[in-house]
Amino acid sequence: VHGVRVIGNRLILGTMAPGSVKICVAHGDPAKRLDLLEDIRRYGHPFATIIDPSAQVSSTATIGEGVIICARALINCDVTVGAHAVIYVGAILGHDVSIGRNAFIGPNAVINGGVHVGEGVLVGAGATVYPGKTIGNWSKVGMGAAVYSRVDDRTTVMGNPARVVGYGRKERTEVAISTSTEHKSPEPIDEPTECGSALQSHTTAEVTPL
């Protein structure tokens, strides 16, 4: 997809020599993405961070290992994006936002300044989170929702204003994934990667052979 090899399902992981490739996981569901991440780590493969050339990332942003930032995303000053999060096409992260590990920010979502998005959160397309709010771990924000208040852990909200419509999304912890490799915003890879097709295909993408 756009110059990045798509390697298919997890069964192929054991056929590649450990450390021979860098891998990113382009899956829109945080829980399923976490399962794949644990398998990749088990096989000894390192992770790649991908930033589309059309994305704008502040020099003061901190971007974690294995993050995918898609086309036309805007990452403002002093933002922190945790490892293996996906920032989809056209999403906007305001100043001082923190995005938890393995979160998914959908296309054209707006996360305003000072918001904390927890681990494993899924924010749907076109949703807006108002300044200074918190989205708890493993929660879900529906498409087009407007979040004016705190969302507790493992809670699903929808609508404008956002209201609770469900509970019980199981919390997960990335015990197998190293936390020691976060770094200041990296240079984009040479090949443009729209990310959309790869994410929709729910596959694991291999990039940048070592």
C-alpha atoms as a PDB file:
ATOM      1  CA  VAL A   1       0.000   0.000   0.000  1.00  0.00           C
ATOM      2  CA  HIS A   2       1.674   3.234  -1.183  1.00  0.00           C
ATOM      3  CA  GLY A   3       5.083   1.558  -1.270  1.00  0.00           C
ATOM      4  CA  VAL A   4       4.723  -0.263   2.059  1.00  0.00           C
ATOM      5  CA  ARG A   5       4.553  -4.044   1.927  1.00  0.00           C
ATOM      6  CA  VAL A   6       1.473  -5.598   3.565  1.00  0.00           C
ATOM      7  CA  ILE A   7       2.427  -8.976   4.981  1.00  0.00           C
ATOM      8  CA  GLY A   8      -0.974 -10.418   5.884  1.00  0.00           C
ATOM      9  CA  ASN A   9      -1.922 -12.249   9.058  1.00  0.00           C
ATOM     10  CA  ARG A  10       0.145 -13.103  12.120  1.00  0.00           C
ATOM     11  CA  LEU A  11       1.089 -16.577  10.870  1.00  0.00           C
ATOM     12  CA  ILE A  12       3.834 -15.089   8.709  1.00  0.00           C
ATOM     13  CA  LEU A  13       5.606 -13.529  11.704  1.00  0.00           C
ATOM     14  CA  GLY A  14       7.450 -16.715  12.563  1.00  0.00           C
ATOM     15  CA  THR A  15       8.848 -17.051   9.032  1.00  0.00           C
ATOM     16  CA  MET A  16      10.849 -13.789   9.196  1.00  0.00           C
ATOM     17  CA  ALA A  17      14.200 -13.555  10.947  1.00  0.00           C
ATOM     18  CA  PRO A  18      13.979 -11.512  14.171  1.00  0.00           C
ATOM     19  CA  GLY A  19      15.166  -7.947  13.570  1.00  0.00           C
ATOM     20  CA  SER A  20      15.191  -8.323   9.774  1.00  0.00           C
ATOM     21  CA  VAL A  21      12.273  -5.889   9.297  1.00  0.00           C
ATOM     22  CA  LYS A  22      10.486  -3.157  11.170  1.00  0.00           C
ATOM     23  CA  ILE A  23       6.744  -3.606  11.534  1.00  0.00           C
ATOM     24  CA  CYS A  24       3.772  -1.349  12.246  1.00  0.00           C
ATOM     25  CA  VAL A  25       0.253  -2.551  12.955  1.00  0.00           C
ATOM     26  CA  ALA A  26      -2.458  -0.772  10.984  1.00  0.00           C
ATOM     27  CA  HIS A  27      -5.642  -2.001  12.653  1.00  0.00           C
ATOM     28  CA  GLY A  28      -8.495   0.269  13.698  1.00  0.00           C
ATOM     29  CA  ASP A  29      -9.570  -1.754  16.741  1.00  0.00           C
ATOM     30  CA  PRO A  30      -7.293  -1.109  19.748  1.00  0.00           C
ATOM     31  CA  ALA A  31      -7.957  -4.482  21.387  1.00  0.00           C
ATOM     32  CA  LYS A  32      -7.193  -6.463  18.225  1.00  0.00           C
ATOM     33  CA  ARG A  33      -4.169  -4.269  17.533  1.00  0.00           C
ATOM     34  CA  LEU A  34      -2.846  -5.053  21.012  1.00  0.00           C
ATOM     35  CA  ASP A  35      -3.119  -8.796  20.346  1.00  0.00           C
ATOM     36  CA  LEU A  36      -1.015  -8.367  17.202  1.00  0.00           C
ATOM     37  CA  LEU A  37       1.538  -6.216  19.032  1.00  0.00           C
ATOM     38  CA  GLU A  38       2.047  -8.919  21.644  1.00  0.00           C
ATOM     39  CA  ASP A  39       2.663 -11.507  18.916  1.00  0.00           C
ATOM     40  CA  ILE A  40       5.154  -9.277  17.113  1.00  0.00           C
ATOM     41  CA  ARG A  41       7.115  -8.648  20.307  1.00  0.00           C
ATOM     42  CA  ARG A  42       7.100 -12.381  21.059  1.00  0.00           C
ATOM     43  CA  TYR A  43       8.771 -13.044  17.706  1.00  0.00           C
ATOM     44  CA  GLY A  44      11.420 -10.386  18.363  1.00  0.00           C
ATOM     45  CA  HIS A  45      10.501  -7.920  15.628  1.00  0.00           C
ATOM     46  CA  PRO A  46      11.081  -4.172  16.191  1.00  0.00           C
ATOM     47  CA  PHE A  47       8.417  -1.557  15.463  1.00  0.00           C
ATOM     48  CA  ALA A  48       8.391   1.269  12.916  1.00  0.00           C
ATOM     49  CA  THR A  49       6.886   4.730  13.401  1.00  0.00           C
ATOM     50  CA  ILE A  50       5.179   6.113  10.279  1.00  0.00           C
ATOM     51  CA  ILE A  51       4.331   9.779   9.696  1.00  0.00           C
ATOM     52  CA  ASP A  52       2.735  10.731   6.402  1.00  0.00           C
ATOM     53  CA  PRO A  53       4.632  13.564   4.653  1.00  0.00           C
ATOM     54  CA  SER A  54       1.460  15.668   4.506  1.00  0.00           C
ATOM     55  CA  ALA A  55       0.925  15.492   8.290  1.00  0.00           C
ATOM     56  CA  GLN A  56       2.058  18.473  10.363  1.00  0.00           C
ATOM     57  CA  VAL A  57       3.835  17.508  13.582  1.00  0.00           C
ATOM     58  CA  SER A  58       5.194  20.125  15.984  1.00  0.00           C
ATOM     59  CA  SER A  59       8.873  19.898  16.830  1.00  0.00           C
ATOM     60  CA  THR A  60       7.873  19.881  20.505  1.00  0.00           C
ATOM     61  CA  ALA A  61       5.598  16.853  20.146  1.00  0.00           C
ATOM     62  CA  THR A  62       6.693  13.505  21.556  1.00  0.00           C
ATOM     63  CA  ILE A  63       5.802  10.523  19.386  1.00  0.00           C
ATOM     64  CA  GLY A  64       6.010   6.964  20.693  1.00  0.00           C
ATOM     65  CA  GLU A  65       7.254   3.761  19.130  1.00  0.00           C
ATOM     66  CA  GLY A  66       5.054   2.206  16.460  1.00  0.00           C
ATOM     67  CA  VAL A  67       2.766   5.230  16.073  1.00  0.00           C
ATOM     68  CA  ILE A  68       0.993   5.824  12.751  1.00  0.00           C
ATOM     69  CA  ILE A  69       0.138   9.420  11.838  1.00  0.00           C
ATOM     70  CA  CYS A  70      -1.880   9.550   8.645  1.00  0.00           C
ATOM     71  CA  ALA A  71      -2.276  12.107   5.878  1.00  0.00           C
ATOM     72  CA  ARG A  72      -3.203  15.692   6.778  1.00  0.00           C
ATOM     73  CA  ALA A  73      -3.227  15.083  10.523  1.00  0.00           C
ATOM     74  CA  LEU A  74      -2.208  18.077  12.655  1.00  0.00           C
ATOM     75  CA  ILE A  75      -0.209  17.507  15.864  1.00  0.00           C
ATOM     76  CA  ASN A  76       0.239  20.754  17.820  1.00  0.00           C
ATOM     77  CA  CYS A  77       2.849  21.860  20.348  1.00  0.00           C
ATOM     78  CA  ASP A  78       3.672  19.792  23.426  1.00  0.00           C
ATOM     79  CA  VAL A  79       1.472  16.871  22.401  1.00  0.00           C
ATOM     80  CA  THR A  80       2.396  13.385  23.573  1.00  0.00           C
ATOM     81  CA  VAL A  81       1.296  10.389  21.497  1.00  0.00           C
ATOM     82  CA  GLY A  82       1.794   7.057  23.245  1.00  0.00           C
ATOM     83  CA  ALA A  83       3.268   3.960  21.638  1.00  0.00           C
ATOM     84  CA  HIS A  84       1.266   2.227  18.903  1.00  0.00           C
ATOM     85  CA  ALA A  85      -1.468   4.856  18.739  1.00  0.00           C
ATOM     86  CA  VAL A  86      -3.070   5.582  15.356  1.00  0.00           C
ATOM     87  CA  ILE A  87      -3.906   9.170  14.388  1.00  0.00           C
ATOM     88  CA  TYR A  88      -6.107   8.866  11.330  1.00  0.00           C
ATOM     89  CA  VAL A  89      -6.530  11.080   8.262  1.00  0.00           C
ATOM     90  CA  GLY A  90      -7.253  14.731   9.022  1.00  0.00           C
ATOM     91  CA  ALA A  91      -7.389  14.383  12.815  1.00  0.00           C
ATOM     92  CA  ILE A  92      -6.373  17.409  14.892  1.00  0.00           C
ATOM     93  CA  LEU A  93      -4.638  17.238  18.273  1.00  0.00           C
ATOM     94  CA  GLY A  94      -4.548  20.576  20.110  1.00  0.00           C
ATOM     95  CA  HIS A  95      -1.747  21.869  22.323  1.00  0.00           C
ATOM     96  CA  ASP A  96      -0.765  19.855  25.392  1.00  0.00           C
ATOM     97  CA  VAL A  97      -2.931  16.875  24.431  1.00  0.00           C
ATOM     98  CA  SER A  98      -1.845  13.450  25.636  1.00  0.00           C
ATOM     99  CA  ILE A  99      -2.881  10.339  23.721  1.00  0.00           C
ATOM    100  CA  GLY A 100      -2.526   7.035  25.528  1.00  0.00           C
ATOM    101  CA  ARG A 101      -0.813   3.928  24.257  1.00  0.00           C
ATOM    102  CA  ASN A 102      -2.681   1.966  21.596  1.00  0.00           C
ATOM    103  CA  ALA A 103      -5.437   4.586  21.167  1.00  0.00           C
ATOM    104  CA  PHE A 104      -7.190   5.232  17.857  1.00  0.00           C
ATOM    105  CA  ILE A 105      -8.186   8.767  16.818  1.00  0.00           C
ATOM    106  CA  GLY A 106     -10.570   8.589  13.864  1.00  0.00           C
ATOM    107  CA  PRO A 107     -10.611  10.668  10.679  1.00  0.00           C
ATOM    108  CA  ASN A 108     -11.267  14.388  11.153  1.00  0.00           C
ATOM    109  CA  ALA A 109     -11.702  14.028  14.911  1.00  0.00           C
ATOM    110  CA  VAL A 110     -10.765  17.128  16.918  1.00  0.00           C
ATOM    111  CA  ILE A 111      -9.068  16.689  20.284  1.00  0.00           C
ATOM    112  CA  ASN A 112      -8.862  20.168  21.800  1.00  0.00           C
ATOM    113  CA  GLY A 113      -6.114  21.562  24.014  1.00  0.00           C
ATOM    114  CA  GLY A 114      -5.269  19.923  27.308  1.00  0.00           C
ATOM    115  CA  VAL A 115      -7.319  16.777  26.709  1.00  0.00           C
ATOM    116  CA  HIS A 116      -6.113  13.433  28.030  1.00  0.00           C
ATOM    117  CA  VAL A 117      -7.114  10.404  25.984  1.00  0.00           C
ATOM    118  CA  GLY A 118      -6.441   7.173  27.848  1.00  0.00           C
ATOM    119  CA  GLU A 119      -4.943   3.859  26.799  1.00  0.00           C
ATOM    120  CA  GLY A 120      -6.843   1.842  24.203  1.00  0.00           C
ATOM    121  CA  VAL A 121      -9.446   4.556  23.570  1.00  0.00           C
ATOM    122  CA  LEU A 122     -11.308   4.643  20.260  1.00  0.00           C
ATOM    123  CA  VAL A 123     -12.480   8.082  19.087  1.00  0.00           C
ATOM    124  CA  GLY A 124     -14.794   7.883  16.089  1.00  0.00           C
ATOM    125  CA  ALA A 125     -14.720   9.898  12.882  1.00  0.00           C
ATOM    126  CA  GLY A 126     -15.602  13.563  13.248  1.00  0.00           C
ATOM    127  CA  ALA A 127     -15.912  13.488  17.035  1.00  0.00           C
ATOM    128  CA  THR A 128     -14.920  16.540  19.094  1.00  0.00           C
ATOM    129  CA  VAL A 129     -13.525  16.504  22.623  1.00  0.00           C
ATOM    130  CA  TYR A 130     -13.715  19.888  24.341  1.00  0.00           C
ATOM    131  CA  PRO A 131     -10.671  21.420  26.054  1.00  0.00           C
ATOM    132  CA  GLY A 132      -9.301  19.931  29.239  1.00  0.00           C
ATOM    133  CA  LYS A 133     -11.499  16.829  29.306  1.00  0.00           C
ATOM    134  CA  THR A 134     -10.422  13.241  30.006  1.00  0.00           C
ATOM    135  CA  ILE A 135     -11.414  10.119  28.100  1.00  0.00           C
ATOM    136  CA  GLY A 136     -10.821   7.126  30.370  1.00  0.00           C
ATOM    137  CA  ASN A 137      -8.909   3.982  29.427  1.00  0.00           C
ATOM    138  CA  TRP A 138     -10.509   1.607  26.917  1.00  0.00           C
ATOM    139  CA  SER A 139     -13.504   3.855  26.323  1.00  0.00           C
ATOM    140  CA  LYS A 140     -15.209   4.582  23.002  1.00  0.00           C
ATOM    141  CA  VAL A 141     -16.448   7.887  21.591  1.00  0.00           C
ATOM    142  CA  GLY A 142     -18.957   7.519  18.768  1.00  0.00           C
ATOM    143  CA  MET A 143     -18.727   9.165  15.349  1.00  0.00           C
ATOM    144  CA  GLY A 144     -19.642  12.837  15.427  1.00  0.00           C
ATOM    145  CA  ALA A 145     -19.996  12.942  19.210  1.00  0.00           C
ATOM    146  CA  ALA A 146     -19.317  16.149  21.142  1.00  0.00           C
ATOM    147  CA  VAL A 147     -17.716  15.433  24.514  1.00  0.00           C
ATOM    148  CA  TYR A 148     -18.222  18.241  27.044  1.00  0.00           C
ATOM    149  CA  SER A 149     -17.388  16.317  30.236  1.00  0.00           C
ATOM    150  CA  ARG A 150     -15.190  13.516  31.557  1.00  0.00           C
ATOM    151  CA  VAL A 151     -15.713  10.001  30.187  1.00  0.00           C
ATOM    152  CA  ASP A 152     -14.932   7.274  32.722  1.00  0.00           C
ATOM    153  CA  ASP A 153     -12.918   4.123  32.006  1.00  0.00           C
ATOM    154  CA  ARG A 154     -14.546   1.450  29.815  1.00  0.00           C
ATOM    155  CA  THR A 155     -17.486   3.665  28.869  1.00  0.00           C
ATOM    156  CA  THR A 156     -19.111   4.202  25.458  1.00  0.00           C
ATOM    157  CA  VAL A 157     -20.590   7.622  24.651  1.00  0.00           C
ATOM    158  CA  MET A 158     -22.457   8.934  21.614  1.00  0.00           C
ATOM    159  CA  GLY A 159     -24.315  12.035  20.485  1.00  0.00           C
ATOM    160  CA  ASN A 160     -24.192  15.803  20.936  1.00  0.00           C
ATOM    161  CA  PRO A 161     -23.870  16.335  23.792  1.00  0.00           C
ATOM    162  CA  ALA A 162     -22.246  12.951  24.324  1.00  0.00           C
ATOM    163  CA  ARG A 163     -24.220  10.615  26.587  1.00  0.00           C
ATOM    164  CA  VAL A 164     -23.381   7.232  28.018  1.00  0.00           C
ATOM    165  CA  VAL A 165     -24.820   4.360  25.974  1.00  0.00           C
ATOM    166  CA  GLY A 166     -22.817   1.427  27.335  1.00  0.00           C
ATOM    167  CA  TYR A 167     -20.182   0.071  29.659  1.00  0.00           C
ATOM    168  CA  GLY A 168     -17.911  -2.882  29.996  1.00  0.00           C
ATOM    169  CA  ARG A 169     -15.207  -2.590  27.349  1.00  0.00           C
ATOM    170  CA  LYS A 170     -12.514  -4.795  28.864  1.00  0.00           C
ATOM    171  CA  GLU A 171      -9.405  -2.945  29.968  1.00  0.00           C
ATOM    172  CA  ARG A 172      -6.124  -4.258  28.638  1.00  0.00           C
ATOM    173  CA  THR A 173      -2.523  -3.635  29.668  1.00  0.00           C
ATOM    174  CA  GLU A 174       0.427  -3.781  27.301  1.00  0.00           C
ATOM    175  CA  VAL A 175       2.654  -5.766  29.625  1.00  0.00           C
ATOM    176  CA  ALA A 176       4.646  -7.217  26.752  1.00  0.00           C
ATOM    177  CA  ILE A 177       5.433  -3.947  25.000  1.00  0.00           C
ATOM    178  CA  SER A 178       8.516  -1.962  25.954  1.00  0.00           C
ATOM    179  CA  THR A 179       7.950   1.613  27.160  1.00  0.00           C
ATOM    180  CA  SER A 180      11.535   2.747  26.744  1.00  0.00           C
ATOM    181  CA  THR A 181      11.565   3.814  23.098  1.00  0.00           C
ATOM    182  CA  GLU A 182       9.533   7.030  22.964  1.00  0.00           C
ATOM    183  CA  HIS A 183      11.320   9.861  21.221  1.00  0.00           C
ATOM    184  CA  LYS A 184      10.880  13.335  19.844  1.00  0.00           C
ATOM    185  CA  SER A 185       8.982  13.541  16.572  1.00  0.00           C
ATOM    186  CA  PRO A 186      10.877  11.482  13.957  1.00  0.00           C
ATOM    187  CA  GLU A 187      11.475  12.323  10.351  1.00  0.00           C
ATOM    188  CA  PRO A 188       8.771  11.009   8.002  1.00  0.00           C
ATOM    189  CA  ILE A 189       9.636   7.977   5.907  1.00  0.00           C
ATOM    190  CA  ASP A 190      10.475   8.708   2.287  1.00  0.00           C
ATOM    191  CA  GLU A 191       7.465   6.957   0.758  1.00  0.00           C
ATOM    192  CA  PRO A 192       4.080   8.734   1.135  1.00  0.00           C
ATOM    193  CA  THR A 193       1.644   6.504   3.001  1.00  0.00           C
ATOM    194  CA  GLU A 194      -2.023   7.506   3.014  1.00  0.00           C
ATOM    195  CA  CYS A 195      -2.663   4.838   5.687  1.00  0.00           C
ATOM    196  CA  GLY A 196      -6.351   4.561   4.863  1.00  0.00           C
ATOM    197  CA  SER A 197      -6.136   1.422   2.758  1.00  0.00           C
ATOM    198  CA  ALA A 198      -3.775  -0.311   5.133  1.00  0.00           C
ATOM    199  CA  LEU A 199      -5.978   0.385   8.151  1.00  0.00           C
ATOM    200  CA  GLN A 200      -9.115  -0.783   6.394  1.00  0.00           C
ATOM    201  CA  SER A 201      -7.424  -4.022   5.378  1.00  0.00           C
ATOM    202  CA  HIS A 202      -6.703  -4.909   9.038  1.00  0.00           C
ATOM    203  CA  THR A 203      -3.249  -6.177   8.297  1.00  0.00           C
ATOM    204  CA  THR A 204       0.297  -5.782   9.538  1.00  0.00           C
ATOM    205  CA  ALA A 205       2.540  -3.627   7.363  1.00  0.00           C
ATOM    206  CA  GLU A 206       6.282  -4.218   7.034  1.00  0.00           C
ATOM    207  CA  VAL A 207       8.418  -1.133   6.466  1.00  0.00           C
ATOM    208  CA  THR A 208      12.030  -0.080   6.256  1.00  0.00           C
ATOM    209  CA  PRO A 209      14.092  -3.303   5.945  1.00  0.00           C
ATOM    210  CA  LEU A 210      17.154  -3.088   8.206  1.00  0.00           C
END
